[in-house]
Amino acid sequence: MVATFAINQYAVTASVSGGNGTITPPSQQVNHGGSASFTVTPATGYHVASVAGDTCTVTGSGTSYSAANVTQACAVVATFAINQY
């Protein structure tokens, strides 16, 4: 008898709240304990207000963000705000 094991994988999805920018990729599969990386790009005249995960911790700055140590499915949401001068 032979036992075969596979690591658990989780979907990490990304979306934008309210428009005015993009976050890519929109979805990725991540191995248990792994990381998901995102590029967050505001539209002209906007800046990144926040990038947060519902069941994962998201860190980063500028246009590069990541969710590390993923142990369950996670939704990441980017929010943008208009620049004020």
PDB file of N, CA and C in Angstrom:
ATOM      1  N   MET A   1       0.841  -1.169   0.000  1.00  0.00           N
ATOM      2  CA  MET A   1       0.000   0.000   0.000  1.00  0.00           C
ATOM      3  C   MET A   1       0.890   1.237   0.000  1.00  0.00           C
ATOM      4  N   VAL A   2       0.511   2.218  -0.789  1.00  0.00           N
ATOM      5  CA  VAL A   2       1.247   3.470  -0.893  1.00  0.00           C
ATOM      6  C   VAL A   2       0.305   4.606  -0.545  1.00  0.00           C
ATOM      7  N   ALA A   3       0.743   5.483   0.322  1.00  0.00           N
ATOM      8  CA  ALA A   3      -0.037   6.673   0.675  1.00  0.00           C
ATOM      9  C   ALA A   3       0.519   7.862  -0.086  1.00  0.00           C
ATOM     10  N   THR A   4      -0.365   8.662  -0.630  1.00  0.00           N
ATOM     11  CA  THR A   4       0.033   9.862  -1.358  1.00  0.00           C
ATOM     12  C   THR A   4      -0.587  11.073  -0.675  1.00  0.00           C
ATOM     13  N   PHE A   5       0.223  12.088  -0.479  1.00  0.00           N
ATOM     14  CA  PHE A   5      -0.251  13.295   0.186  1.00  0.00           C
ATOM     15  C   PHE A   5      -0.040  14.499  -0.721  1.00  0.00           C
ATOM     16  N   ALA A   6      -0.906  15.477  -0.586  1.00  0.00           N
ATOM     17  CA  ALA A   6      -0.776  16.732  -1.329  1.00  0.00           C
ATOM     18  C   ALA A   6      -1.005  17.883  -0.359  1.00  0.00           C
ATOM     19  N   ILE A   7      -0.284  18.944  -0.571  1.00  0.00           N
ATOM     20  CA  ILE A   7      -0.437  20.117   0.287  1.00  0.00           C
ATOM     21  C   ILE A   7      -1.768  20.796  -0.004  1.00  0.00           C
ATOM     22  N   ASN A   8      -2.401  21.321   1.021  1.00  0.00           N
ATOM     23  CA  ASN A   8      -3.645  22.069   0.841  1.00  0.00           C
ATOM     24  C   ASN A   8      -3.347  23.359   0.087  1.00  0.00           C
ATOM     25  N   GLN A   9      -4.250  23.729  -0.801  1.00  0.00           N
ATOM     26  CA  GLN A   9      -4.143  24.984  -1.531  1.00  0.00           C
ATOM     27  C   GLN A   9      -5.398  25.800  -1.289  1.00  0.00           C
ATOM     28  N   TYR A  10      -5.228  27.124  -1.318  1.00  0.00           N
ATOM     29  CA  TYR A  10      -6.329  28.032  -1.044  1.00  0.00           C
ATOM     30  C   TYR A  10      -6.408  29.105  -2.130  1.00  0.00           C
ATOM     31  N   ALA A  11      -7.636  29.510  -2.454  1.00  0.00           N
ATOM     32  CA  ALA A  11      -7.847  30.592  -3.412  1.00  0.00           C
ATOM     33  C   ALA A  11      -7.666  31.930  -2.701  1.00  0.00           C
ATOM     34  N   VAL A  12      -6.864  32.787  -3.292  1.00  0.00           N
ATOM     35  CA  VAL A  12      -6.718  34.157  -2.814  1.00  0.00           C
ATOM     36  C   VAL A  12      -7.220  35.039  -3.953  1.00  0.00           C
ATOM     37  N   THR A  13      -8.334  35.731  -3.715  1.00  0.00           N
ATOM     38  CA  THR A  13      -8.941  36.561  -4.743  1.00  0.00           C
ATOM     39  C   THR A  13      -8.733  38.032  -4.421  1.00  0.00           C
ATOM     40  N   ALA A  14      -8.650  38.840  -5.461  1.00  0.00           N
ATOM     41  CA  ALA A  14      -8.403  40.267  -5.282  1.00  0.00           C
ATOM     42  C   ALA A  14      -9.457  41.063  -6.033  1.00  0.00           C
ATOM     43  N   SER A  15      -9.877  42.173  -5.429  1.00  0.00           N
ATOM     44  CA  SER A  15     -10.850  43.041  -6.079  1.00  0.00           C
ATOM     45  C   SER A  15     -10.626  44.479  -5.636  1.00  0.00           C
ATOM     46  N   VAL A  16     -11.328  45.386  -6.308  1.00  0.00           N
ATOM     47  CA  VAL A  16     -11.242  46.814  -6.008  1.00  0.00           C
ATOM     48  C   VAL A  16     -12.598  47.273  -5.497  1.00  0.00           C
ATOM     49  N   SER A  17     -12.589  48.043  -4.431  1.00  0.00           N
ATOM     50  CA  SER A  17     -13.817  48.624  -3.898  1.00  0.00           C
ATOM     51  C   SER A  17     -13.956  50.049  -4.433  1.00  0.00           C
ATOM     52  N   GLY A  18     -15.009  50.310  -5.180  1.00  0.00           N
ATOM     53  CA  GLY A  18     -15.282  51.669  -5.646  1.00  0.00           C
ATOM     54  C   GLY A  18     -14.571  52.094  -6.910  1.00  0.00           C
ATOM     55  N   GLY A  19     -13.803  51.228  -7.534  1.00  0.00           N
ATOM     56  CA  GLY A  19     -13.122  51.591  -8.778  1.00  0.00           C
ATOM     57  C   GLY A  19     -11.919  52.483  -8.564  1.00  0.00           C
ATOM     58  N   ASN A  20     -11.516  53.187  -9.602  1.00  0.00           N
ATOM     59  CA  ASN A  20     -10.417  54.160  -9.599  1.00  0.00           C
ATOM     60  C   ASN A  20      -9.034  53.536  -9.488  1.00  0.00           C
ATOM     61  N   GLY A  21      -8.903  52.280  -9.927  1.00  0.00           N
ATOM     62  CA  GLY A  21      -7.609  51.609  -9.932  1.00  0.00           C
ATOM     63  C   GLY A  21      -7.780  50.129 -10.178  1.00  0.00           C
ATOM     64  N   THR A  22      -6.652  49.404 -10.156  1.00  0.00           N
ATOM     65  CA  THR A  22      -6.682  47.963 -10.394  1.00  0.00           C
ATOM     66  C   THR A  22      -5.805  47.236  -9.389  1.00  0.00           C
ATOM     67  N   ILE A  23      -6.100  45.935  -9.214  1.00  0.00           N
ATOM     68  CA  ILE A  23      -5.243  45.042  -8.440  1.00  0.00           C
ATOM     69  C   ILE A  23      -5.116  43.763  -9.254  1.00  0.00           C
ATOM     70  N   THR A  24      -3.886  43.311  -9.461  1.00  0.00           N
ATOM     71  CA  THR A  24      -3.649  42.107 -10.267  1.00  0.00           C
ATOM     72  C   THR A  24      -2.654  41.197  -9.558  1.00  0.00           C
ATOM     73  N   PRO A  25      -2.744  39.895  -9.723  1.00  0.00           N
ATOM     74  CA  PRO A  25      -3.765  39.184 -10.483  1.00  0.00           C
ATOM     75  C   PRO A  25      -5.067  39.123  -9.694  1.00  0.00           C
ATOM     76  N   PRO A  26      -6.195  38.871 -10.397  1.00  0.00           N
ATOM     77  CA  PRO A  26      -7.477  38.835  -9.703  1.00  0.00           C
ATOM     78  C   PRO A  26      -7.684  37.587  -8.846  1.00  0.00           C
ATOM     79  N   SER A  27      -6.965  36.505  -9.149  1.00  0.00           N
ATOM     80  CA  SER A  27      -7.107  35.271  -8.384  1.00  0.00           C
ATOM     81  C   SER A  27      -5.843  34.437  -8.514  1.00  0.00           C
ATOM     82  N   GLN A  28      -5.501  33.727  -7.442  1.00  0.00           N
ATOM     83  CA  GLN A  28      -4.352  32.815  -7.489  1.00  0.00           C
ATOM     84  C   GLN A  28      -4.515  31.729  -6.437  1.00  0.00           C
ATOM     85  N   GLN A  29      -3.950  30.561  -6.716  1.00  0.00           N
ATOM     86  CA  GLN A  29      -3.950  29.446  -5.774  1.00  0.00           C
ATOM     87  C   GLN A  29      -2.633  29.491  -5.005  1.00  0.00           C
ATOM     88  N   VAL A  30      -2.700  29.341  -3.689  1.00  0.00           N
ATOM     89  CA  VAL A  30      -1.519  29.444  -2.834  1.00  0.00           C
ATOM     90  C   VAL A  30      -1.437  28.205  -1.954  1.00  0.00           C
ATOM     91  N   ASN A  31      -0.253  27.616  -1.869  1.00  0.00           N
ATOM     92  CA  ASN A  31      -0.044  26.485  -0.976  1.00  0.00           C
ATOM     93  C   ASN A  31      -0.194  26.927   0.479  1.00  0.00           C
ATOM     94  N   HIS A  32      -0.632  25.998   1.336  1.00  0.00           N
ATOM     95  CA  HIS A  32      -0.771  26.269   2.767  1.00  0.00           C
ATOM     96  C   HIS A  32       0.528  26.873   3.308  1.00  0.00           C
ATOM     97  N   GLY A  33       0.415  28.030   3.958  1.00  0.00           N
ATOM     98  CA  GLY A  33       1.578  28.714   4.514  1.00  0.00           C
ATOM     99  C   GLY A  33       2.326  29.578   3.524  1.00  0.00           C
ATOM    100  N   GLY A  34       1.866  29.593   2.272  1.00  0.00           N
ATOM    101  CA  GLY A  34       2.546  30.357   1.224  1.00  0.00           C
ATOM    102  C   GLY A  34       2.109  31.810   1.178  1.00  0.00           C
ATOM    103  N   SER A  35       2.578  32.501   0.143  1.00  0.00           N
ATOM    104  CA  SER A  35       2.295  33.928  -0.024  1.00  0.00           C
ATOM    105  C   SER A  35       1.680  34.206  -1.388  1.00  0.00           C
ATOM    106  N   ALA A  36       0.867  35.251  -1.425  1.00  0.00           N
ATOM    107  CA  ALA A  36       0.288  35.742  -2.673  1.00  0.00           C
ATOM    108  C   ALA A  36       0.749  37.181  -2.849  1.00  0.00           C
ATOM    109  N   SER A  37       1.212  37.518  -4.041  1.00  0.00           N
ATOM    110  CA  SER A  37       1.689  38.870  -4.323  1.00  0.00           C
ATOM    111  C   SER A  37       0.745  39.578  -5.283  1.00  0.00           C
ATOM    112  N   PHE A  38       0.596  40.891  -5.090  1.00  0.00           N
ATOM    113  CA  PHE A  38      -0.308  41.691  -5.901  1.00  0.00           C
ATOM    114  C   PHE A  38       0.361  42.983  -6.340  1.00  0.00           C
ATOM    115  N   THR A  39      -0.064  43.469  -7.505  1.00  0.00           N
ATOM    116  CA  THR A  39       0.326  44.787  -7.974  1.00  0.00           C
ATOM    117  C   THR A  39      -0.917  45.659  -7.926  1.00  0.00           C
ATOM    118  N   VAL A  40      -0.824  46.767  -7.214  1.00  0.00           N
ATOM    119  CA  VAL A  40      -1.954  47.675  -7.019  1.00  0.00           C
ATOM    120  C   VAL A  40      -1.624  48.981  -7.748  1.00  0.00           C
ATOM    121  N   THR A  41      -2.489  49.365  -8.688  1.00  0.00           N
ATOM    122  CA  THR A  41      -2.224  50.533  -9.522  1.00  0.00           C
ATOM    123  C   THR A  41      -3.397  51.500  -9.485  1.00  0.00           C
ATOM    124  N   PRO A  42      -3.195  52.675  -8.890  1.00  0.00           N
ATOM    125  CA  PRO A  42      -4.283  53.660  -8.880  1.00  0.00           C
ATOM    126  C   PRO A  42      -4.447  54.320 -10.249  1.00  0.00           C
ATOM    127  N   ALA A  43      -5.669  54.769 -10.550  1.00  0.00           N
ATOM    128  CA  ALA A  43      -5.919  55.542 -11.759  1.00  0.00           C
ATOM    129  C   ALA A  43      -5.266  56.915 -11.599  1.00  0.00           C
ATOM    130  N   THR A  44      -5.077  57.601 -12.700  1.00  0.00           N
ATOM    131  CA  THR A  44      -4.503  58.944 -12.663  1.00  0.00           C
ATOM    132  C   THR A  44      -5.334  59.841 -11.751  1.00  0.00           C
ATOM    133  N   GLY A  45      -4.664  60.523 -10.845  1.00  0.00           N
ATOM    134  CA  GLY A  45      -5.332  61.422  -9.920  1.00  0.00           C
ATOM    135  C   GLY A  45      -5.776  60.763  -8.624  1.00  0.00           C
ATOM    136  N   TYR A  46      -5.454  59.454  -8.467  1.00  0.00           N
ATOM    137  CA  TYR A  46      -5.833  58.704  -7.266  1.00  0.00           C
ATOM    138  C   TYR A  46      -4.600  58.079  -6.621  1.00  0.00           C
ATOM    139  N   HIS A  47      -4.732  57.668  -5.368  1.00  0.00           N
ATOM    140  CA  HIS A  47      -3.670  56.970  -4.655  1.00  0.00           C
ATOM    141  C   HIS A  47      -4.282  55.788  -3.894  1.00  0.00           C
ATOM    142  N   VAL A  48      -3.430  54.872  -3.463  1.00  0.00           N
ATOM    143  CA  VAL A  48      -3.886  53.718  -2.698  1.00  0.00           C
ATOM    144  C   VAL A  48      -4.283  54.192  -1.303  1.00  0.00           C
ATOM    145  N   ALA A  49      -5.540  53.980  -0.927  1.00  0.00           N
ATOM    146  CA  ALA A  49      -6.000  54.347   0.410  1.00  0.00           C
ATOM    147  C   ALA A  49      -5.782  53.175   1.372  1.00  0.00           C
ATOM    148  N   SER A  50      -6.061  51.944   0.896  1.00  0.00           N
ATOM    149  CA  SER A  50      -5.847  50.762   1.733  1.00  0.00           C
ATOM    150  C   SER A  50      -5.867  49.503   0.883  1.00  0.00           C
ATOM    151  N   VAL A  51      -5.201  48.482   1.390  1.00  0.00           N
ATOM    152  CA  VAL A  51      -5.256  47.134   0.820  1.00  0.00           C
ATOM    153  C   VAL A  51      -5.364  46.205   2.019  1.00  0.00           C
ATOM    154  N   ALA A  52      -6.455  45.447   2.107  1.00  0.00           N
ATOM    155  CA  ALA A  52      -6.696  44.622   3.285  1.00  0.00           C
ATOM    156  C   ALA A  52      -7.269  43.265   2.893  1.00  0.00           C
ATOM    157  N   GLY A  53      -7.015  42.278   3.761  1.00  0.00           N
ATOM    158  CA  GLY A  53      -7.549  40.943   3.551  1.00  0.00           C
ATOM    159  C   GLY A  53      -8.602  40.625   4.589  1.00  0.00           C
ATOM    160  N   ASP A  54      -9.575  39.772   4.209  1.00  0.00           N
ATOM    161  CA  ASP A  54     -10.619  39.423   5.166  1.00  0.00           C
ATOM    162  C   ASP A  54     -10.156  38.360   6.160  1.00  0.00           C
ATOM    163  N   THR A  55      -9.400  37.369   5.705  1.00  0.00           N
ATOM    164  CA  THR A  55      -8.904  36.323   6.614  1.00  0.00           C
ATOM    165  C   THR A  55      -7.394  36.167   6.540  1.00  0.00           C
ATOM    166  N   CYS A  56      -6.726  37.138   5.910  1.00  0.00           N
ATOM    167  CA  CYS A  56      -5.261  37.099   5.818  1.00  0.00           C
ATOM    168  C   CYS A  56      -4.729  38.499   6.059  1.00  0.00           C
ATOM    169  N   THR A  57      -3.486  38.563   6.467  1.00  0.00           N
ATOM    170  CA  THR A  57      -2.845  39.848   6.722  1.00  0.00           C
ATOM    171  C   THR A  57      -2.100  40.286   5.477  1.00  0.00           C
ATOM    172  N   VAL A  58      -2.402  41.489   5.024  1.00  0.00           N
ATOM    173  CA  VAL A  58      -1.788  42.034   3.816  1.00  0.00           C
ATOM    174  C   VAL A  58      -0.825  43.140   4.216  1.00  0.00           C
ATOM    175  N   THR A  59       0.383  43.098   3.667  1.00  0.00           N
ATOM    176  CA  THR A  59       1.382  44.130   3.911  1.00  0.00           C
ATOM    177  C   THR A  59       1.919  44.628   2.579  1.00  0.00           C
ATOM    178  N   GLY A  60       2.517  45.800   2.606  1.00  0.00           N
ATOM    179  CA  GLY A  60       3.138  46.347   1.412  1.00  0.00           C
ATOM    180  C   GLY A  60       3.026  47.841   1.375  1.00  0.00           C
ATOM    181  N   SER A  61       3.494  48.406   0.270  1.00  0.00           N
ATOM    182  CA  SER A  61       3.419  49.847   0.059  1.00  0.00           C
ATOM    183  C   SER A  61       3.618  50.128  -1.424  1.00  0.00           C
ATOM    184  N   GLY A  62       3.350  51.372  -1.788  1.00  0.00           N
ATOM    185  CA  GLY A  62       3.486  51.739  -3.197  1.00  0.00           C
ATOM    186  C   GLY A  62       2.532  50.922  -4.041  1.00  0.00           C
ATOM    187  N   THR A  63       3.079  50.131  -4.957  1.00  0.00           N
ATOM    188  CA  THR A  63       2.239  49.289  -5.811  1.00  0.00           C
ATOM    189  C   THR A  63       2.405  47.803  -5.522  1.00  0.00           C
ATOM    190  N   SER A  64       3.268  47.441  -4.570  1.00  0.00           N
ATOM    191  CA  SER A  64       3.538  46.023  -4.269  1.00  0.00           C
ATOM    192  C   SER A  64       2.993  45.624  -2.903  1.00  0.00           C
ATOM    193  N   TYR A  65       2.106  44.620  -2.902  1.00  0.00           N
ATOM    194  CA  TYR A  65       1.500  44.124  -1.674  1.00  0.00           C
ATOM    195  C   TYR A  65       1.528  42.606  -1.672  1.00  0.00           C
ATOM    196  N   SER A  66       1.473  42.013  -0.484  1.00  0.00           N
ATOM    197  CA  SER A  66       1.440  40.555  -0.402  1.00  0.00           C
ATOM    198  C   SER A  66       0.656  40.104   0.825  1.00  0.00           C
ATOM    199  N   ALA A  67       0.089  38.914   0.689  1.00  0.00           N
ATOM    200  CA  ALA A  67      -0.571  38.235   1.800  1.00  0.00           C
ATOM    201  C   ALA A  67       0.311  37.038   2.117  1.00  0.00           C
ATOM    202  N   ALA A  68       0.862  36.976   3.325  1.00  0.00           N
ATOM    203  CA  ALA A  68       1.799  35.912   3.698  1.00  0.00           C
ATOM    204  C   ALA A  68       1.144  34.926   4.655  1.00  0.00           C
ATOM    205  N   ASN A  69       1.736  33.731   4.730  1.00  0.00           N
ATOM    206  CA  ASN A  69       1.286  32.683   5.641  1.00  0.00           C
ATOM    207  C   ASN A  69      -0.210  32.391   5.478  1.00  0.00           C
ATOM    208  N   VAL A  70      -0.620  32.183   4.233  1.00  0.00           N
ATOM    209  CA  VAL A  70      -2.030  31.914   3.918  1.00  0.00           C
ATOM    210  C   VAL A  70      -2.397  30.523   4.422  1.00  0.00           C
ATOM    211  N   THR A  71      -3.446  30.440   5.250  1.00  0.00           N
ATOM    212  CA  THR A  71      -3.879  29.153   5.805  1.00  0.00           C
ATOM    213  C   THR A  71      -5.356  28.870   5.535  1.00  0.00           C
ATOM    214  N   GLN A  72      -5.998  29.725   4.760  1.00  0.00           N
ATOM    215  CA  GLN A  72      -7.380  29.521   4.343  1.00  0.00           C
ATOM    216  C   GLN A  72      -7.677  30.460   3.179  1.00  0.00           C
ATOM    217  N   ALA A  73      -8.808  30.250   2.514  1.00  0.00           N
ATOM    218  CA  ALA A  73      -9.189  31.134   1.412  1.00  0.00           C
ATOM    219  C   ALA A  73      -9.240  32.571   1.925  1.00  0.00           C
ATOM    220  N   CYS A  74      -8.877  33.501   1.064  1.00  0.00           N
ATOM    221  CA  CYS A  74      -8.752  34.895   1.475  1.00  0.00           C
ATOM    222  C   CYS A  74      -9.200  35.814   0.343  1.00  0.00           C
ATOM    223  N   ALA A  75      -9.875  36.897   0.706  1.00  0.00           N
ATOM    224  CA  ALA A  75     -10.253  37.937  -0.251  1.00  0.00           C
ATOM    225  C   ALA A  75      -9.488  39.207   0.105  1.00  0.00           C
ATOM    226  N   VAL A  76      -8.797  39.763  -0.880  1.00  0.00           N
ATOM    227  CA  VAL A  76      -8.016  40.989  -0.692  1.00  0.00           C
ATOM    228  C   VAL A  76      -8.726  42.106  -1.454  1.00  0.00           C
ATOM    229  N   VAL A  77      -8.921  43.243  -0.788  1.00  0.00           N
ATOM    230  CA  VAL A  77      -9.635  44.360  -1.404  1.00  0.00           C
ATOM    231  C   VAL A  77      -8.772  45.617  -1.361  1.00  0.00           C
ATOM    232  N   ALA A  78      -8.613  46.249  -2.529  1.00  0.00           N
ATOM    233  CA  ALA A  78      -7.885  47.522  -2.636  1.00  0.00           C
ATOM    234  C   ALA A  78      -8.892  48.657  -2.731  1.00  0.00           C
ATOM    235  N   THR A  79      -8.588  49.745  -2.033  1.00  0.00           N
ATOM    236  CA  THR A  79      -9.439  50.934  -2.066  1.00  0.00           C
ATOM    237  C   THR A  79      -8.570  52.130  -2.440  1.00  0.00           C
ATOM    238  N   PHE A  80      -9.102  52.981  -3.291  1.00  0.00           N
ATOM    239  CA  PHE A  80      -8.350  54.150  -3.764  1.00  0.00           C
ATOM    240  C   PHE A  80      -9.064  55.435  -3.359  1.00  0.00           C
ATOM    241  N   ALA A  81      -8.298  56.509  -3.206  1.00  0.00           N
ATOM    242  CA  ALA A  81      -8.851  57.820  -2.847  1.00  0.00           C
ATOM    243  C   ALA A  81      -8.288  58.860  -3.804  1.00  0.00           C
ATOM    244  N   ILE A  82      -9.074  59.889  -4.050  1.00  0.00           N
ATOM    245  CA  ILE A  82      -8.646  60.940  -4.960  1.00  0.00           C
ATOM    246  C   ILE A  82      -7.535  61.769  -4.313  1.00  0.00           C
ATOM    247  N   ASN A  83      -6.585  62.186  -5.128  1.00  0.00           N
ATOM    248  CA  ASN A  83      -5.514  63.058  -4.640  1.00  0.00           C
ATOM    249  C   ASN A  83      -6.094  64.445  -4.376  1.00  0.00           C
ATOM    250  N   GLN A  84      -5.654  65.055  -3.307  1.00  0.00           N
ATOM    251  CA  GLN A  84      -6.083  66.420  -3.004  1.00  0.00           C
ATOM    252  C   GLN A  84      -4.853  67.290  -2.890  1.00  0.00           C
ATOM    253  N   TYR A  85      -4.874  68.393  -3.594  1.00  0.00           N
ATOM    254  CA  TYR A  85      -3.715  69.282  -3.625  1.00  0.00           C
ATOM    255  C   TYR A  85      -4.004  70.578  -2.941  1.00  0.00           C
TER     256      TYR A  85
END
